[in-house]
Amino acid sequence: MHFSLALKLLWRDWRAGELTLLLTSLIIAVGTVTTITLFVDRLQQALLKESATFLAADRVITGSDPISNDILARADELGLQQALTLSFMSMVFSDDRAQFASVKAVDDNYPLRGRLIVSDAPFVRGAPVEFGPQKGEVWLESRLLPSLGVGKGDILDIGVASFPVGNVLVKEPDRGSGFNSAGPRVLMNMADVPATEVVQPGSRLTYRYLFAGDVAALDELEAWAKPRLGVEARMFGVKEGAAGIGDALDRAERFLLLGGLLGVILAGVAIALAAQ
């Protein structure tokens, strides 16, 4: 009895057009909320990906000593891209001048995110390149060339090895602060470090292992690797690696979530008005 009465009332409301209005408003509300949610998620992922250029990677392990090869093997199993940098302070010499510089050695895969910008002359706009210096050459920051009195093609001594000056380094994606970034930059290939004999027991070194790839694989590597890292080593992403960028991303995420919440509220109001 009650069921058939409910069906009669439903049919009456349907013929009157009231349920059609309510159903239409419900479809529009669901579509609006879904669209806003997808847009917010895509925009959030785009912000995170773009911000990763400040680390030259999606995840970084940094420390004063090399990490276990097991961690690198695990990253390789997960299909992640890898790169390595080594930073240290050293005196560099031209024919008649010397300068205390921040030397950074990079492998052939660096950078994983972002691009290096180089030029042929100091203090001019440069152009992006895919990878760092080749074995047997060094790139100098603009301010180093006049202070050492060298130009492109001249010889620079680092430790006991000599290298020709290649491109002028205009910008590197992960140039940060700290002791090893205090001086003007010299960028060299990782394969040339042993020839300099600069790295000795007791040297102040900073190793940075860079990883990039699928988010799920990165999270799995982080969960697996953190308990196996040494006391001084740490693993972080863009939010933890740069406080200013992390704060900006948090504010952006809150703003995007607020936009999604407003969409839900407006959809609820539309349904309520239609039901009334």
Protein backbone atom coordinates (compact mmCIF):
# COMPACT_ATOMS: atom_id res chain seq x y z
CA MET A 1 0.00 0.00 0.00
CA HIS A 2 2.68 2.47 1.05
CA PHE A 3 4.87 1.42 -1.87
CA SER A 4 2.19 1.97 -4.46
CA LEU A 5 1.36 5.34 -2.90
CA ALA A 6 5.01 6.31 -3.15
CA LEU A 7 5.08 5.30 -6.80
CA LYS A 8 1.95 7.38 -7.51
CA LEU A 9 3.46 10.44 -5.82
CA LEU A 10 6.73 9.90 -7.70
CA TRP A 11 4.89 9.67 -11.02
CA ARG A 12 2.89 12.79 -10.22
CA ASP A 13 6.01 14.79 -9.37
CA TRP A 14 7.71 13.50 -12.48
CA ARG A 15 4.84 14.59 -14.73
CA ALA A 16 4.77 17.96 -13.01
CA GLY A 17 8.44 18.49 -13.96
CA GLU A 18 9.70 19.01 -10.39
CA LEU A 19 11.80 15.85 -10.32
CA THR A 20 13.24 16.71 -13.72
CA LEU A 21 14.48 20.01 -12.31
CA LEU A 22 15.92 18.28 -9.23
CA LEU A 23 17.62 15.59 -11.33
CA THR A 24 19.07 18.20 -13.68
CA SER A 25 20.44 20.23 -10.78
CA LEU A 26 21.91 17.08 -9.25
CA ILE A 27 23.66 16.14 -12.51
CA ILE A 28 25.03 19.66 -12.92
CA ALA A 29 26.22 19.70 -9.28
CA VAL A 30 27.98 16.34 -9.57
CA GLY A 31 29.57 17.35 -12.88
CA THR A 32 30.74 20.67 -11.43
CA VAL A 33 32.28 19.12 -8.33
CA THR A 34 33.96 16.39 -10.40
CA THR A 35 35.38 18.91 -12.86
CA ILE A 36 36.70 21.17 -10.09
CA THR A 37 38.24 18.21 -8.27
CA LEU A 38 40.02 16.98 -11.41
CA PHE A 39 41.22 20.48 -12.24
CA VAL A 40 42.55 21.04 -8.71
CA ASP A 41 44.34 17.67 -8.74
CA ARG A 42 45.95 18.31 -12.16
CA LEU A 43 47.00 21.82 -11.15
CA GLN A 44 48.44 20.55 -7.87
CA GLN A 45 50.48 17.89 -9.68
CA ALA A 46 51.69 20.49 -12.18
CA LEU A 47 52.82 22.78 -9.35
CA LEU A 48 54.73 19.96 -7.68
CA LYS A 49 56.38 18.91 -10.95
CA GLU A 50 57.40 22.45 -11.79
CA SER A 51 58.72 23.03 -8.27
CA ALA A 52 60.86 19.88 -8.56
CA THR A 53 63.15 21.82 -10.92
CA PHE A 54 64.50 23.63 -7.85
CA LEU A 55 65.97 20.28 -6.73
CA ALA A 56 66.85 19.05 -10.25
CA ALA A 57 64.94 15.91 -9.19
CA ASP A 58 61.77 14.63 -7.51
CA ARG A 59 63.60 13.17 -4.50
CA VAL A 60 67.11 13.77 -3.17
CA ILE A 61 69.34 11.88 -0.76
CA THR A 62 72.14 14.07 0.57
CA GLY A 63 74.97 13.40 2.98
CA SER A 64 78.71 13.67 3.55
CA ASP A 65 79.36 10.03 2.60
CA PRO A 66 78.28 7.80 -0.30
CA ILE A 67 75.12 5.79 0.28
CA SER A 68 74.76 2.03 0.06
CA ASN A 69 74.68 0.49 -3.40
CA ASP A 70 71.60 -1.45 -2.25
CA ILE A 71 69.58 1.78 -2.33
CA LEU A 72 70.73 2.56 -5.87
CA ALA A 73 69.91 -0.99 -6.94
CA ARG A 74 66.45 -0.69 -5.39
CA ALA A 75 65.83 2.58 -7.27
CA ASP A 76 66.90 0.88 -10.48
CA GLU A 77 64.44 -1.98 -9.81
CA LEU A 78 61.64 0.57 -9.38
CA GLY A 79 62.47 2.13 -12.76
CA LEU A 80 63.59 5.50 -11.39
CA GLN A 81 66.01 7.84 -13.15
CA GLN A 82 69.17 8.54 -11.18
CA ALA A 83 71.92 11.15 -11.12
CA LEU A 84 74.78 12.05 -8.76
CA THR A 85 76.48 15.31 -7.80
CA LEU A 86 79.45 15.96 -5.52
CA SER A 87 80.17 19.42 -4.10
CA PHE A 88 83.28 20.71 -2.30
CA MET A 89 85.27 23.91 -1.80
CA SER A 90 88.67 24.21 -3.44
CA MET A 91 91.22 26.69 -4.71
CA VAL A 92 91.32 26.97 -8.51
CA PHE A 93 94.24 28.49 -10.42
CA SER A 94 94.85 30.21 -13.72
CA ASP A 95 98.32 31.23 -14.96
CA ASP A 96 98.81 34.03 -12.44
CA ARG A 97 95.68 34.14 -10.27
CA ALA A 98 93.87 31.97 -7.73
CA GLN A 99 90.29 31.94 -6.45
CA PHE A 100 88.47 30.02 -3.74
CA ALA A 101 85.52 28.40 -5.53
CA SER A 102 82.58 26.07 -5.00
CA VAL A 103 83.27 23.05 -7.20
CA LYS A 104 80.40 20.81 -8.24
CA ALA A 105 80.97 17.55 -10.08
CA VAL A 106 78.00 16.04 -11.94
CA ASP A 107 77.48 12.80 -13.83
CA ASP A 108 76.16 12.45 -17.37
CA ASN A 109 72.49 12.21 -16.26
CA TYR A 110 72.38 15.53 -14.39
CA PRO A 111 69.93 17.31 -14.18
CA LEU A 112 66.83 15.10 -13.98
CA ARG A 113 64.49 18.10 -13.67
CA GLY A 114 65.01 21.58 -15.02
CA ARG A 115 67.86 22.64 -17.30
CA LEU A 116 71.28 24.19 -17.10
CA ILE A 117 71.63 27.56 -18.83
CA VAL A 118 74.99 28.43 -20.38
CA SER A 119 76.49 31.07 -22.66
CA ASP A 120 79.69 31.71 -24.62
CA ALA A 121 80.56 34.92 -22.77
CA PRO A 122 80.18 36.12 -19.15
CA PHE A 123 77.29 38.29 -17.97
CA VAL A 124 75.01 37.67 -20.97
CA ARG A 125 71.77 35.78 -21.43
CA GLY A 126 72.31 32.12 -22.10
CA ALA A 127 70.48 29.18 -23.61
CA PRO A 128 69.37 25.92 -21.96
CA VAL A 129 71.30 22.70 -22.44
CA GLU A 130 70.29 19.14 -21.61
CA PHE A 131 73.37 17.97 -19.70
CA GLY A 132 76.46 19.22 -17.90
CA PRO A 133 80.09 19.45 -19.02
CA GLN A 134 81.76 16.61 -20.86
CA LYS A 135 84.77 14.82 -19.42
CA GLY A 136 87.91 16.93 -19.69
CA GLU A 137 86.34 20.42 -19.49
CA VAL A 138 84.95 22.76 -16.83
CA TRP A 139 82.25 25.42 -16.87
CA LEU A 140 82.72 28.60 -14.85
CA GLU A 141 80.23 31.04 -13.38
CA SER A 142 80.41 34.48 -15.00
CA ARG A 143 82.09 36.25 -12.09
CA LEU A 144 84.95 33.75 -12.04
CA LEU A 145 86.24 34.58 -15.51
CA PRO A 146 87.30 38.20 -14.81
CA SER A 147 88.56 37.36 -11.31
CA LEU A 148 90.84 34.64 -12.74
CA GLY A 149 91.60 36.50 -15.96
CA VAL A 150 90.54 33.60 -18.17
CA GLY A 151 88.25 33.12 -21.14
CA LYS A 152 86.74 30.25 -23.05
CA GLY A 153 89.46 27.78 -24.04
CA ASP A 154 91.97 28.90 -21.38
CA ILE A 155 93.36 26.41 -18.86
CA LEU A 156 92.17 26.15 -15.27
CA ASP A 157 93.94 24.09 -12.60
CA ILE A 158 91.94 22.20 -9.97
CA GLY A 159 94.21 20.27 -7.63
CA VAL A 160 96.88 18.58 -9.75
CA ALA A 161 94.75 18.42 -12.93
CA SER A 162 94.26 21.01 -15.66
CA PHE A 163 91.10 21.58 -17.69
CA PRO A 164 90.13 23.89 -20.56
CA VAL A 165 87.33 26.35 -19.80
CA GLY A 166 84.19 25.49 -21.76
CA ASN A 167 80.83 27.20 -21.45
CA VAL A 168 79.98 30.02 -19.07
CA LEU A 169 77.51 28.79 -16.45
CA VAL A 170 74.56 31.18 -16.19
CA LYS A 171 72.14 29.13 -14.09
CA GLU A 172 71.84 25.70 -12.52
CA PRO A 173 68.42 24.45 -11.35
CA ASP A 174 69.43 23.29 -7.86
CA ARG A 175 71.79 26.08 -6.82
CA GLY A 176 71.09 26.34 -3.10
CA SER A 177 72.59 27.91 -0.03
CA GLY A 178 75.10 26.49 2.43
CA PHE A 179 78.85 26.16 2.83
CA ASN A 180 79.49 24.38 -0.45
CA SER A 181 77.53 27.00 -2.42
CA ALA A 182 79.16 30.06 -0.88
CA GLY A 183 81.77 30.68 -3.57
CA PRO A 184 81.52 31.17 -7.33
CA ARG A 185 80.66 27.94 -9.10
CA VAL A 186 82.91 25.64 -11.08
CA LEU A 187 81.01 22.81 -12.78
CA MET A 188 82.92 19.72 -13.86
CA ASN A 189 82.29 16.12 -14.88
CA MET A 190 82.22 13.49 -12.13
CA ALA A 191 84.70 11.33 -14.06
CA ASP A 192 87.38 14.04 -13.69
CA VAL A 193 87.31 14.22 -9.88
CA PRO A 194 89.87 11.44 -9.20
CA ALA A 195 92.43 13.14 -11.46
CA THR A 196 92.36 16.33 -9.33
CA GLU A 197 93.34 14.45 -6.13
CA VAL A 198 91.41 17.13 -4.23
CA VAL A 199 89.10 14.66 -2.48
CA GLN A 200 91.11 13.27 0.44
CA PRO A 201 90.23 11.71 3.81
CA GLY A 202 88.76 14.47 5.96
CA SER A 203 87.58 16.58 3.00
CA ARG A 204 84.29 18.36 3.49
CA LEU A 205 82.07 16.82 0.81
CA THR A 206 78.37 16.85 -0.04
CA TYR A 207 76.96 13.97 -2.04
CA ARG A 208 73.53 14.42 -3.61
CA TYR A 209 71.78 11.41 -5.14
CA LEU A 210 68.94 12.53 -7.41
CA PHE A 211 65.88 10.44 -8.29
CA ALA A 212 62.96 11.12 -10.64
CA GLY A 213 60.03 9.07 -11.88
CA ASP A 214 56.62 7.76 -10.89
CA VAL A 215 55.23 9.11 -7.60
CA ALA A 216 54.27 5.65 -6.29
CA ALA A 217 57.77 4.32 -7.03
CA LEU A 218 59.36 7.34 -5.34
CA ASP A 219 57.22 6.87 -2.23
CA GLU A 220 58.13 3.18 -2.14
CA LEU A 221 61.83 3.98 -2.43
CA GLU A 222 61.58 6.60 0.32
CA ALA A 223 59.85 4.19 2.70
CA TRP A 224 62.42 1.47 1.94
CA ALA A 225 65.54 3.65 1.97
CA LYS A 226 65.05 5.96 4.97
CA PRO A 227 65.63 3.26 7.64
CA ARG A 228 68.81 2.23 5.77
CA LEU A 229 70.39 5.70 5.53
CA GLY A 230 73.30 6.77 7.69
CA VAL A 231 73.00 9.18 10.60
CA GLU A 232 74.03 12.26 8.59
CA ALA A 233 72.13 11.39 5.40
CA ARG A 234 68.56 12.48 4.73
CA MET A 235 66.03 12.01 1.96
CA PHE A 236 63.58 14.74 0.99
CA GLY A 237 61.33 16.12 -1.73
CA VAL A 238 60.71 19.66 -2.89
CA LYS A 239 58.57 20.62 0.12
CA GLU A 240 61.19 19.58 2.65
CA GLY A 241 64.19 20.60 0.58
CA ALA A 242 63.36 24.29 0.27
CA ALA A 243 61.40 25.92 3.07
CA GLY A 244 60.23 28.90 0.99
CA ILE A 245 59.03 26.69 -1.86
CA GLY A 246 57.36 24.28 0.56
CA ASP A 247 55.45 27.12 2.24
CA ALA A 248 54.35 28.50 -1.13
CA LEU A 249 53.13 25.05 -2.22
CA ASP A 250 51.20 24.60 1.04
CA ARG A 251 49.46 27.95 0.52
CA ALA A 252 48.66 27.06 -3.09
CA GLU A 253 47.21 23.70 -2.03
CA ARG A 254 45.02 25.34 0.61
CA PHE A 255 43.76 27.83 -1.95
CA LEU A 256 42.94 25.04 -4.43
CA LEU A 257 41.17 23.00 -1.74
CA LEU A 258 39.16 26.10 -0.80
CA GLY A 259 38.09 26.43 -4.43
CA GLY A 260 36.92 22.80 -4.44
CA LEU A 261 35.02 23.32 -1.18
CA LEU A 262 33.25 26.37 -2.57
CA GLY A 263 32.23 24.29 -5.60
CA VAL A 264 30.69 21.66 -3.31
CA ILE A 265 28.83 24.33 -1.32
CA LEU A 266 27.44 25.97 -4.47
CA ALA A 267 26.32 22.56 -5.77
CA GLY A 268 24.55 21.88 -2.46
CA VAL A 269 22.79 25.26 -2.61
CA ALA A 270 21.66 24.56 -6.18
CA ILE A 271 20.20 21.17 -5.17
CA ALA A 272 18.46 22.71 -2.15
CA LEU A 273 16.88 25.45 -4.27
CA ALA A 274 15.74 22.90 -6.84
CA ALA A 275 14.29 20.67 -4.11
CA GLN A 276 12.44 23.67 -2.63
